[in-house]
Amino acid sequence: MNKGELVDAVAEKASVTKKQADAVLSAAIETIIEAVASGDKVTLVGFGSFESRERKAREGRNPKTNEKMEIPATKVPAFSAGKLFRERVAPPKE
């Protein structure tokens, strides 16, 4: 599902126009990105959490030359699925 298909589905479920659904979805995504970029954690109960994580510096290899190189530390965005989301995707086995 791409963004256009998601907008269509949200518009149908919420009984709003596609234009309204697109505006709300775009605003929500932009707000999450801004919050995570500023170091905040965004938690949507039942869905999951978005946060920024530190990735340590490490040694890697250039795939073309096989030469060792240092990969610097960096921040990366991360998502952790919530319990409800995980259970819907992979129901617990009895």
PDB file of N, CA and C in Angstrom:
ATOM      1  N   MET A   1       0.857  -1.177   0.000  1.00  0.00           N
ATOM      2  CA  MET A   1       0.000   0.000   0.000  1.00  0.00           C
ATOM      3  C   MET A   1       0.896   1.230   0.000  1.00  0.00           C
ATOM      4  N   ASN A   2       0.636   2.138  -0.932  1.00  0.00           N
ATOM      5  CA  ASN A   2       1.390   3.382  -0.967  1.00  0.00           C
ATOM      6  C   ASN A   2       0.567   4.501  -0.312  1.00  0.00           C
ATOM      7  N   LYS A   3       1.124   5.713  -0.283  1.00  0.00           N
ATOM      8  CA  LYS A   3       0.447   6.808   0.412  1.00  0.00           C
ATOM      9  C   LYS A   3      -0.917   7.112  -0.204  1.00  0.00           C
ATOM     10  N   GLY A   4      -1.018   7.099  -1.512  1.00  0.00           N
ATOM     11  CA  GLY A   4      -2.291   7.378  -2.180  1.00  0.00           C
ATOM     12  C   GLY A   4      -3.365   6.372  -1.793  1.00  0.00           C
ATOM     13  N   GLU A   5      -2.996   5.104  -1.739  1.00  0.00           N
ATOM     14  CA  GLU A   5      -3.946   4.063  -1.343  1.00  0.00           C
ATOM     15  C   GLU A   5      -4.330   4.211   0.133  1.00  0.00           C
ATOM     16  N   LEU A   6      -3.360   4.603   0.959  1.00  0.00           N
ATOM     17  CA  LEU A   6      -3.641   4.834   2.380  1.00  0.00           C
ATOM     18  C   LEU A   6      -4.605   6.009   2.542  1.00  0.00           C
ATOM     19  N   VAL A   7      -4.381   7.078   1.802  1.00  0.00           N
ATOM     20  CA  VAL A   7      -5.278   8.238   1.847  1.00  0.00           C
ATOM     21  C   VAL A   7      -6.690   7.817   1.456  1.00  0.00           C
ATOM     22  N   ASP A   8      -6.817   7.029   0.400  1.00  0.00           N
ATOM     23  CA  ASP A   8      -8.134   6.548  -0.034  1.00  0.00           C
ATOM     24  C   ASP A   8      -8.820   5.741   1.071  1.00  0.00           C
ATOM     25  N   ALA A   9      -8.080   4.845   1.707  1.00  0.00           N
ATOM     26  CA  ALA A   9      -8.642   4.004   2.763  1.00  0.00           C
ATOM     27  C   ALA A   9      -9.043   4.833   3.977  1.00  0.00           C
ATOM     28  N   VAL A  10      -8.212   5.795   4.362  1.00  0.00           N
ATOM     29  CA  VAL A  10      -8.526   6.658   5.509  1.00  0.00           C
ATOM     30  C   VAL A  10      -9.755   7.510   5.204  1.00  0.00           C
ATOM     31  N   ALA A  11      -9.828   8.049   4.004  1.00  0.00           N
ATOM     32  CA  ALA A  11     -10.977   8.877   3.617  1.00  0.00           C
ATOM     33  C   ALA A  11     -12.268   8.075   3.699  1.00  0.00           C
ATOM     34  N   GLU A  12     -12.212   6.831   3.251  1.00  0.00           N
ATOM     35  CA  GLU A  12     -13.397   5.978   3.280  1.00  0.00           C
ATOM     36  C   GLU A  12     -13.794   5.619   4.716  1.00  0.00           C
ATOM     37  N   LYS A  13     -12.825   5.222   5.539  1.00  0.00           N
ATOM     38  CA  LYS A  13     -13.113   4.833   6.928  1.00  0.00           C
ATOM     39  C   LYS A  13     -13.605   6.004   7.766  1.00  0.00           C
ATOM     40  N   ALA A  14     -13.042   7.195   7.538  1.00  0.00           N
ATOM     41  CA  ALA A  14     -13.386   8.364   8.351  1.00  0.00           C
ATOM     42  C   ALA A  14     -14.527   9.185   7.744  1.00  0.00           C
ATOM     43  N   SER A  15     -15.029   8.774   6.592  1.00  0.00           N
ATOM     44  CA  SER A  15     -16.103   9.496   5.892  1.00  0.00           C
ATOM     45  C   SER A  15     -15.749  10.966   5.664  1.00  0.00           C
ATOM     46  N   VAL A  16     -14.530  11.194   5.156  1.00  0.00           N
ATOM     47  CA  VAL A  16     -14.088  12.539   4.787  1.00  0.00           C
ATOM     48  C   VAL A  16     -13.606  12.495   3.335  1.00  0.00           C
ATOM     49  N   THR A  17     -13.335  13.678   2.789  1.00  0.00           N
ATOM     50  CA  THR A  17     -12.852  13.715   1.412  1.00  0.00           C
ATOM     51  C   THR A  17     -11.402  13.244   1.362  1.00  0.00           C
ATOM     52  N   LYS A  18     -10.978  12.841   0.167  1.00  0.00           N
ATOM     53  CA  LYS A  18      -9.588  12.415  -0.004  1.00  0.00           C
ATOM     54  C   LYS A  18      -8.638  13.570   0.287  1.00  0.00           C
ATOM     55  N   LYS A  19      -9.043  14.783  -0.074  1.00  0.00           N
ATOM     56  CA  LYS A  19      -8.209  15.966   0.164  1.00  0.00           C
ATOM     57  C   LYS A  19      -8.022  16.192   1.667  1.00  0.00           C
ATOM     58  N   GLN A  20      -9.089  16.036   2.435  1.00  0.00           N
ATOM     59  CA  GLN A  20      -8.997  16.202   3.892  1.00  0.00           C
ATOM     60  C   GLN A  20      -8.134  15.101   4.505  1.00  0.00           C
ATOM     61  N   ALA A  21      -8.335  13.868   4.065  1.00  0.00           N
ATOM     62  CA  ALA A  21      -7.558  12.743   4.581  1.00  0.00           C
ATOM     63  C   ALA A  21      -6.075  12.930   4.271  1.00  0.00           C
ATOM     64  N   ASP A  22      -5.760  13.393   3.058  1.00  0.00           N
ATOM     65  CA  ASP A  22      -4.376  13.628   2.670  1.00  0.00           C
ATOM     66  C   ASP A  22      -3.754  14.712   3.535  1.00  0.00           C
ATOM     67  N   ALA A  23      -4.492  15.786   3.793  1.00  0.00           N
ATOM     68  CA  ALA A  23      -3.974  16.886   4.610  1.00  0.00           C
ATOM     69  C   ALA A  23      -3.682  16.411   6.032  1.00  0.00           C
ATOM     70  N   VAL A  24      -4.586  15.638   6.615  1.00  0.00           N
ATOM     71  CA  VAL A  24      -4.398  15.150   7.981  1.00  0.00           C
ATOM     72  C   VAL A  24      -3.248  14.147   8.044  1.00  0.00           C
ATOM     73  N   LEU A  25      -3.198  13.219   7.107  1.00  0.00           N
ATOM     74  CA  LEU A  25      -2.131  12.223   7.092  1.00  0.00           C
ATOM     75  C   LEU A  25      -0.763  12.890   6.903  1.00  0.00           C
ATOM     76  N   SER A  26      -0.670  13.828   5.977  1.00  0.00           N
ATOM     77  CA  SER A  26       0.592  14.536   5.735  1.00  0.00           C
ATOM     78  C   SER A  26       1.023  15.318   6.972  1.00  0.00           C
ATOM     79  N   ALA A  27       0.060  15.983   7.633  1.00  0.00           N
ATOM     80  CA  ALA A  27       0.374  16.743   8.845  1.00  0.00           C
ATOM     81  C   ALA A  27       0.845  15.812   9.962  1.00  0.00           C
ATOM     82  N   ALA A  28       0.214  14.660  10.101  1.00  0.00           N
ATOM     83  CA  ALA A  28       0.601  13.706  11.141  1.00  0.00           C
ATOM     84  C   ALA A  28       2.018  13.188  10.894  1.00  0.00           C
ATOM     85  N   ILE A  29       2.310  12.822   9.664  1.00  0.00           N
ATOM     86  CA  ILE A  29       3.641  12.307   9.329  1.00  0.00           C
ATOM     87  C   ILE A  29       4.700  13.382   9.569  1.00  0.00           C
ATOM     88  N   GLU A  30       4.435  14.593   9.123  1.00  0.00           N
ATOM     89  CA  GLU A  30       5.381  15.701   9.293  1.00  0.00           C
ATOM     90  C   GLU A  30       5.621  15.987  10.775  1.00  0.00           C
ATOM     91  N   THR A  31       4.571  15.942  11.583  1.00  0.00           N
ATOM     92  CA  THR A  31       4.694  16.185  13.021  1.00  0.00           C
ATOM     93  C   THR A  31       5.534  15.102  13.684  1.00  0.00           C
ATOM     94  N   ILE A  32       5.329  13.841  13.295  1.00  0.00           N
ATOM     95  CA  ILE A  32       6.125  12.735  13.845  1.00  0.00           C
ATOM     96  C   ILE A  32       7.594  12.912  13.470  1.00  0.00           C
ATOM     97  N   ILE A  33       7.863  13.246  12.218  1.00  0.00           N
ATOM     98  CA  ILE A  33       9.239  13.441  11.754  1.00  0.00           C
ATOM     99  C   ILE A  33       9.917  14.565  12.537  1.00  0.00           C
ATOM    100  N   GLU A  34       9.225  15.687  12.706  1.00  0.00           N
ATOM    101  CA  GLU A  34       9.795  16.822  13.438  1.00  0.00           C
ATOM    102  C   GLU A  34      10.089  16.451  14.890  1.00  0.00           C
ATOM    103  N   ALA A  35       9.167  15.737  15.527  1.00  0.00           N
ATOM    104  CA  ALA A  35       9.350  15.353  16.931  1.00  0.00           C
ATOM    105  C   ALA A  35      10.540  14.416  17.095  1.00  0.00           C
ATOM    106  N   VAL A  36      10.636  13.403  16.241  1.00  0.00           N
ATOM    107  CA  VAL A  36      11.739  12.437  16.335  1.00  0.00           C
ATOM    108  C   VAL A  36      13.070  13.119  16.010  1.00  0.00           C
ATOM    109  N   ALA A  37      13.067  14.020  15.023  1.00  0.00           N
ATOM    110  CA  ALA A  37      14.292  14.731  14.654  1.00  0.00           C
ATOM    111  C   ALA A  37      14.799  15.608  15.795  1.00  0.00           C
ATOM    112  N   SER A  38      13.874  16.110  16.632  1.00  0.00           N
ATOM    113  CA  SER A  38      14.289  16.958  17.750  1.00  0.00           C
ATOM    114  C   SER A  38      14.612  16.143  19.003  1.00  0.00           C
ATOM    115  N   GLY A  39      14.553  14.817  18.900  1.00  0.00           N
ATOM    116  CA  GLY A  39      14.947  13.961  20.014  1.00  0.00           C
ATOM    117  C   GLY A  39      13.801  13.423  20.849  1.00  0.00           C
ATOM    118  N   ASP A  40      12.564  13.774  20.503  1.00  0.00           N
ATOM    119  CA  ASP A  40      11.412  13.275  21.256  1.00  0.00           C
ATOM    120  C   ASP A  40      11.028  11.880  20.792  1.00  0.00           C
ATOM    121  N   LYS A  41      10.332  11.163  21.663  1.00  0.00           N
ATOM    122  CA  LYS A  41       9.786   9.852  21.316  1.00  0.00           C
ATOM    123  C   LYS A  41       8.286  10.040  21.103  1.00  0.00           C
ATOM    124  N   VAL A  42       7.752   9.482  20.029  1.00  0.00           N
ATOM    125  CA  VAL A  42       6.324   9.574  19.731  1.00  0.00           C
ATOM    126  C   VAL A  42       5.720   8.197  19.924  1.00  0.00           C
ATOM    127  N   THR A  43       4.760   8.085  20.859  1.00  0.00           N
ATOM    128  CA  THR A  43       4.129   6.809  21.154  1.00  0.00           C
ATOM    129  C   THR A  43       2.655   6.870  20.799  1.00  0.00           C
ATOM    130  N   LEU A  44       2.228   5.961  19.949  1.00  0.00           N
ATOM    131  CA  LEU A  44       0.824   5.825  19.579  1.00  0.00           C
ATOM    132  C   LEU A  44       0.364   4.487  20.145  1.00  0.00           C
ATOM    133  N   VAL A  45      -0.375   4.542  21.254  1.00  0.00           N
ATOM    134  CA  VAL A  45      -0.771   3.333  21.977  1.00  0.00           C
ATOM    135  C   VAL A  45      -1.488   2.368  21.028  1.00  0.00           C
ATOM    136  N   GLY A  46      -1.055   1.111  21.050  1.00  0.00           N
ATOM    137  CA  GLY A  46      -1.630   0.080  20.202  1.00  0.00           C
ATOM    138  C   GLY A  46      -0.966  -0.010  18.838  1.00  0.00           C
ATOM    139  N   PHE A  47      -0.340   1.085  18.390  1.00  0.00           N
ATOM    140  CA  PHE A  47       0.322   1.091  17.085  1.00  0.00           C
ATOM    141  C   PHE A  47       1.819   0.894  17.244  1.00  0.00           C
ATOM    142  N   GLY A  48       2.480   1.804  17.968  1.00  0.00           N
ATOM    143  CA  GLY A  48       3.913   1.675  18.166  1.00  0.00           C
ATOM    144  C   GLY A  48       4.562   2.976  18.550  1.00  0.00           C
ATOM    145  N   SER A  49       5.894   2.964  18.600  1.00  0.00           N
ATOM    146  CA  SER A  49       6.675   4.129  19.004  1.00  0.00           C
ATOM    147  C   SER A  49       7.719   4.460  17.953  1.00  0.00           C
ATOM    148  N   PHE A  50       7.890   5.747  17.720  1.00  0.00           N
ATOM    149  CA  PHE A  50       8.925   6.257  16.827  1.00  0.00           C
ATOM    150  C   PHE A  50       9.941   6.980  17.700  1.00  0.00           C
ATOM    151  N   GLU A  51      11.228   6.726  17.468  1.00  0.00           N
ATOM    152  CA  GLU A  51      12.255   7.418  18.236  1.00  0.00           C
ATOM    153  C   GLU A  51      13.546   7.479  17.443  1.00  0.00           C
ATOM    154  N   SER A  52      14.480   8.278  17.941  1.00  0.00           N
ATOM    155  CA  SER A  52      15.800   8.392  17.344  1.00  0.00           C
ATOM    156  C   SER A  52      16.744   7.533  18.179  1.00  0.00           C
ATOM    157  N   ARG A  53      17.574   6.743  17.531  1.00  0.00           N
ATOM    158  CA  ARG A  53      18.536   5.899  18.239  1.00  0.00           C
ATOM    159  C   ARG A  53      19.945   6.226  17.772  1.00  0.00           C
ATOM    160  N   GLU A  54      20.890   6.068  18.690  1.00  0.00           N
ATOM    161  CA  GLU A  54      22.296   6.283  18.369  1.00  0.00           C
ATOM    162  C   GLU A  54      22.876   4.993  17.803  1.00  0.00           C
ATOM    163  N   ARG A  55      23.559   5.089  16.700  1.00  0.00           N
ATOM    164  CA  ARG A  55      24.281   3.938  16.150  1.00  0.00           C
ATOM    165  C   ARG A  55      25.765   4.204  16.389  1.00  0.00           C
ATOM    166  N   LYS A  56      26.445   3.281  17.053  1.00  0.00           N
ATOM    167  CA  LYS A  56      27.852   3.460  17.396  1.00  0.00           C
ATOM    168  C   LYS A  56      28.732   3.412  16.148  1.00  0.00           C
ATOM    169  N   ALA A  57      29.911   4.027  16.278  1.00  0.00           N
ATOM    170  CA  ALA A  57      30.902   3.940  15.203  1.00  0.00           C
ATOM    171  C   ALA A  57      31.350   2.481  15.109  1.00  0.00           C
ATOM    172  N   ARG A  58      31.659   2.046  13.909  1.00  0.00           N
ATOM    173  CA  ARG A  58      32.081   0.661  13.735  1.00  0.00           C
ATOM    174  C   ARG A  58      33.003   0.553  12.523  1.00  0.00           C
ATOM    175  N   GLU A  59      33.660  -0.592  12.445  1.00  0.00           N
ATOM    176  CA  GLU A  59      34.561  -0.829  11.325  1.00  0.00           C
ATOM    177  C   GLU A  59      33.816  -1.587  10.237  1.00  0.00           C
ATOM    178  N   GLY A  60      33.981  -1.154   9.014  1.00  0.00           N
ATOM    179  CA  GLY A  60      33.349  -1.826   7.892  1.00  0.00           C
ATOM    180  C   GLY A  60      34.366  -2.087   6.797  1.00  0.00           C
ATOM    181  N   ARG A  61      33.891  -2.586   5.684  1.00  0.00           N
ATOM    182  CA  ARG A  61      34.771  -2.846   4.540  1.00  0.00           C
ATOM    183  C   ARG A  61      34.154  -2.274   3.270  1.00  0.00           C
ATOM    184  N   ASN A  62      35.015  -1.726   2.422  1.00  0.00           N
ATOM    185  CA  ASN A  62      34.590  -1.263   1.118  1.00  0.00           C
ATOM    186  C   ASN A  62      34.339  -2.506   0.273  1.00  0.00           C
ATOM    187  N   PRO A  63      33.099  -2.712  -0.220  1.00  0.00           N
ATOM    188  CA  PRO A  63      32.813  -3.945  -0.961  1.00  0.00           C
ATOM    189  C   PRO A  63      33.607  -4.100  -2.264  1.00  0.00           C
ATOM    190  N   LYS A  64      34.023  -2.989  -2.857  1.00  0.00           N
ATOM    191  CA  LYS A  64      34.779  -3.083  -4.110  1.00  0.00           C
ATOM    192  C   LYS A  64      36.235  -3.462  -3.869  1.00  0.00           C
ATOM    193  N   THR A  65      36.870  -2.804  -2.876  1.00  0.00           N
ATOM    194  CA  THR A  65      38.309  -3.007  -2.666  1.00  0.00           C
ATOM    195  C   THR A  65      38.618  -3.903  -1.473  1.00  0.00           C
ATOM    196  N   ASN A  66      37.604  -4.218  -0.676  1.00  0.00           N
ATOM    197  CA  ASN A  66      37.752  -5.014   0.541  1.00  0.00           C
ATOM    198  C   ASN A  66      38.632  -4.301   1.579  1.00  0.00           C
ATOM    199  N   GLU A  67      38.826  -2.985   1.388  1.00  0.00           N
ATOM    200  CA  GLU A  67      39.646  -2.183   2.291  1.00  0.00           C
ATOM    201  C   GLU A  67      38.846  -1.851   3.553  1.00  0.00           C
ATOM    202  N   LYS A  68      39.516  -1.927   4.725  1.00  0.00           N
ATOM    203  CA  LYS A  68      38.853  -1.582   5.983  1.00  0.00           C
ATOM    204  C   LYS A  68      38.604  -0.084   6.031  1.00  0.00           C
ATOM    205  N   MET A  69      37.460   0.281   6.631  1.00  0.00           N
ATOM    206  CA  MET A  69      37.153   1.705   6.780  1.00  0.00           C
ATOM    207  C   MET A  69      36.351   1.903   8.057  1.00  0.00           C
ATOM    208  N   GLU A  70      36.410   3.106   8.610  1.00  0.00           N
ATOM    209  CA  GLU A  70      35.681   3.431   9.832  1.00  0.00           C
ATOM    210  C   GLU A  70      34.338   4.045   9.442  1.00  0.00           C
ATOM    211  N   ILE A  71      33.252   3.474   9.959  1.00  0.00           N
ATOM    212  CA  ILE A  71      31.915   4.022   9.721  1.00  0.00           C
ATOM    213  C   ILE A  71      31.585   4.853  10.956  1.00  0.00           C
ATOM    214  N   PRO A  72      31.351   6.157  10.788  1.00  0.00           N
ATOM    215  CA  PRO A  72      31.146   7.029  11.950  1.00  0.00           C
ATOM    216  C   PRO A  72      29.821   6.768  12.673  1.00  0.00           C
ATOM    217  N   ALA A  73      29.760   7.188  13.939  1.00  0.00           N
ATOM    218  CA  ALA A  73      28.529   7.097  14.725  1.00  0.00           C
ATOM    219  C   ALA A  73      27.486   8.016  14.095  1.00  0.00           C
ATOM    220  N   THR A  74      26.236   7.646  14.223  1.00  0.00           N
ATOM    221  CA  THR A  74      25.164   8.460  13.646  1.00  0.00           C
ATOM    222  C   THR A  74      23.856   8.211  14.388  1.00  0.00           C
ATOM    223  N   LYS A  75      22.878   9.057  14.137  1.00  0.00           N
ATOM    224  CA  LYS A  75      21.532   8.855  14.671  1.00  0.00           C
ATOM    225  C   LYS A  75      20.679   8.267  13.556  1.00  0.00           C
ATOM    226  N   VAL A  76      19.805   7.332  13.920  1.00  0.00           N
ATOM    227  CA  VAL A  76      18.912   6.726  12.940  1.00  0.00           C
ATOM    228  C   VAL A  76      17.491   6.704  13.500  1.00  0.00           C
ATOM    229  N   PRO A  77      16.476   6.850  12.640  1.00  0.00           N
ATOM    230  CA  PRO A  77      15.105   6.728  13.120  1.00  0.00           C
ATOM    231  C   PRO A  77      14.782   5.261  13.378  1.00  0.00           C
ATOM    232  N   ALA A  78      13.926   5.014  14.376  1.00  0.00           N
ATOM    233  CA  ALA A  78      13.563   3.638  14.706  1.00  0.00           C
ATOM    234  C   ALA A  78      12.075   3.566  15.025  1.00  0.00           C
ATOM    235  N   PHE A  79      11.467   2.427  14.708  1.00  0.00           N
ATOM    236  CA  PHE A  79      10.061   2.184  15.015  1.00  0.00           C
ATOM    237  C   PHE A  79       9.954   0.867  15.755  1.00  0.00           C
ATOM    238  N   SER A  80       9.203   0.872  16.841  1.00  0.00           N
ATOM    239  CA  SER A  80       8.924  -0.357  17.592  1.00  0.00           C
ATOM    240  C   SER A  80       7.417  -0.564  17.561  1.00  0.00           C
ATOM    241  N   ALA A  81       6.981  -1.683  17.043  1.00  0.00           N
ATOM    242  CA  ALA A  81       5.549  -1.963  16.948  1.00  0.00           C
ATOM    243  C   ALA A  81       4.964  -2.186  18.344  1.00  0.00           C
ATOM    244  N   GLY A  82       3.740  -1.706  18.547  1.00  0.00           N
ATOM    245  CA  GLY A  82       3.033  -1.907  19.803  1.00  0.00           C
ATOM    246  C   GLY A  82       2.463  -3.308  19.893  1.00  0.00           C
ATOM    247  N   LYS A  83       2.025  -3.663  21.083  1.00  0.00           N
ATOM    248  CA  LYS A  83       1.527  -5.010  21.331  1.00  0.00           C
ATOM    249  C   LYS A  83       0.348  -5.364  20.419  1.00  0.00           C
ATOM    250  N   LEU A  84      -0.630  -4.478  20.292  1.00  0.00           N
ATOM    251  CA  LEU A  84      -1.803  -4.742  19.461  1.00  0.00           C
ATOM    252  C   LEU A  84      -1.400  -4.960  18.001  1.00  0.00           C
ATOM    253  N   PHE A  85      -0.501  -4.115  17.509  1.00  0.00           N
ATOM    254  CA  PHE A  85      -0.009  -4.211  16.131  1.00  0.00           C
ATOM    255  C   PHE A  85       0.671  -5.571  15.928  1.00  0.00           C
ATOM    256  N   ARG A  86       1.591  -5.934  16.836  1.00  0.00           N
ATOM    257  CA  ARG A  86       2.305  -7.213  16.718  1.00  0.00           C
ATOM    258  C   ARG A  86       1.338  -8.392  16.733  1.00  0.00           C
ATOM    259  N   GLU A  87       0.339  -8.339  17.625  1.00  0.00           N
ATOM    260  CA  GLU A  87      -0.615  -9.457  17.728  1.00  0.00           C
ATOM    261  C   GLU A  87      -1.489  -9.577  16.487  1.00  0.00           C
ATOM    262  N   ARG A  88      -1.806  -8.438  15.849  1.00  0.00           N
ATOM    263  CA  ARG A  88      -2.618  -8.489  14.629  1.00  0.00           C
ATOM    264  C   ARG A  88      -1.831  -9.081  13.467  1.00  0.00           C
ATOM    265  N   VAL A  89      -0.545  -8.746  13.406  1.00  0.00           N
ATOM    266  CA  VAL A  89       0.311  -9.228  12.327  1.00  0.00           C
ATOM    267  C   VAL A  89       0.660 -10.695  12.532  1.00  0.00           C
ATOM    268  N   ALA A  90       1.018 -11.061  13.747  1.00  0.00           N
ATOM    269  CA  ALA A  90       1.396 -12.435  14.068  1.00  0.00           C
ATOM    270  C   ALA A  90       0.690 -12.852  15.353  1.00  0.00           C
ATOM    271  N   PRO A  91      -0.541 -13.380  15.234  1.00  0.00           N
ATOM    272  CA  PRO A  91      -1.291 -13.784  16.430  1.00  0.00           C
ATOM    273  C   PRO A  91      -0.504 -14.802  17.256  1.00  0.00           C
ATOM    274  N   PRO A  92      -0.561 -14.676  18.592  1.00  0.00           N
ATOM    275  CA  PRO A  92       0.168 -15.638  19.426  1.00  0.00           C
ATOM    276  C   PRO A  92      -0.366 -17.053  19.236  1.00  0.00           C
ATOM    277  N   LYS A  93       0.535 -18.011  19.239  1.00  0.00           N
ATOM    278  CA  LYS A  93       0.142 -19.417  19.052  1.00  0.00           C
ATOM    279  C   LYS A  93      -0.286 -19.993  20.392  1.00  0.00           C
ATOM    280  N   GLU A  94      -1.279 -20.830  20.328  1.00  0.00           N
ATOM    281  CA  GLU A  94      -1.813 -21.425  21.562  1.00  0.00           C
ATOM    282  C   GLU A  94      -1.114 -22.698  21.909  1.00  0.00           C
TER     283      GLU A  94
END
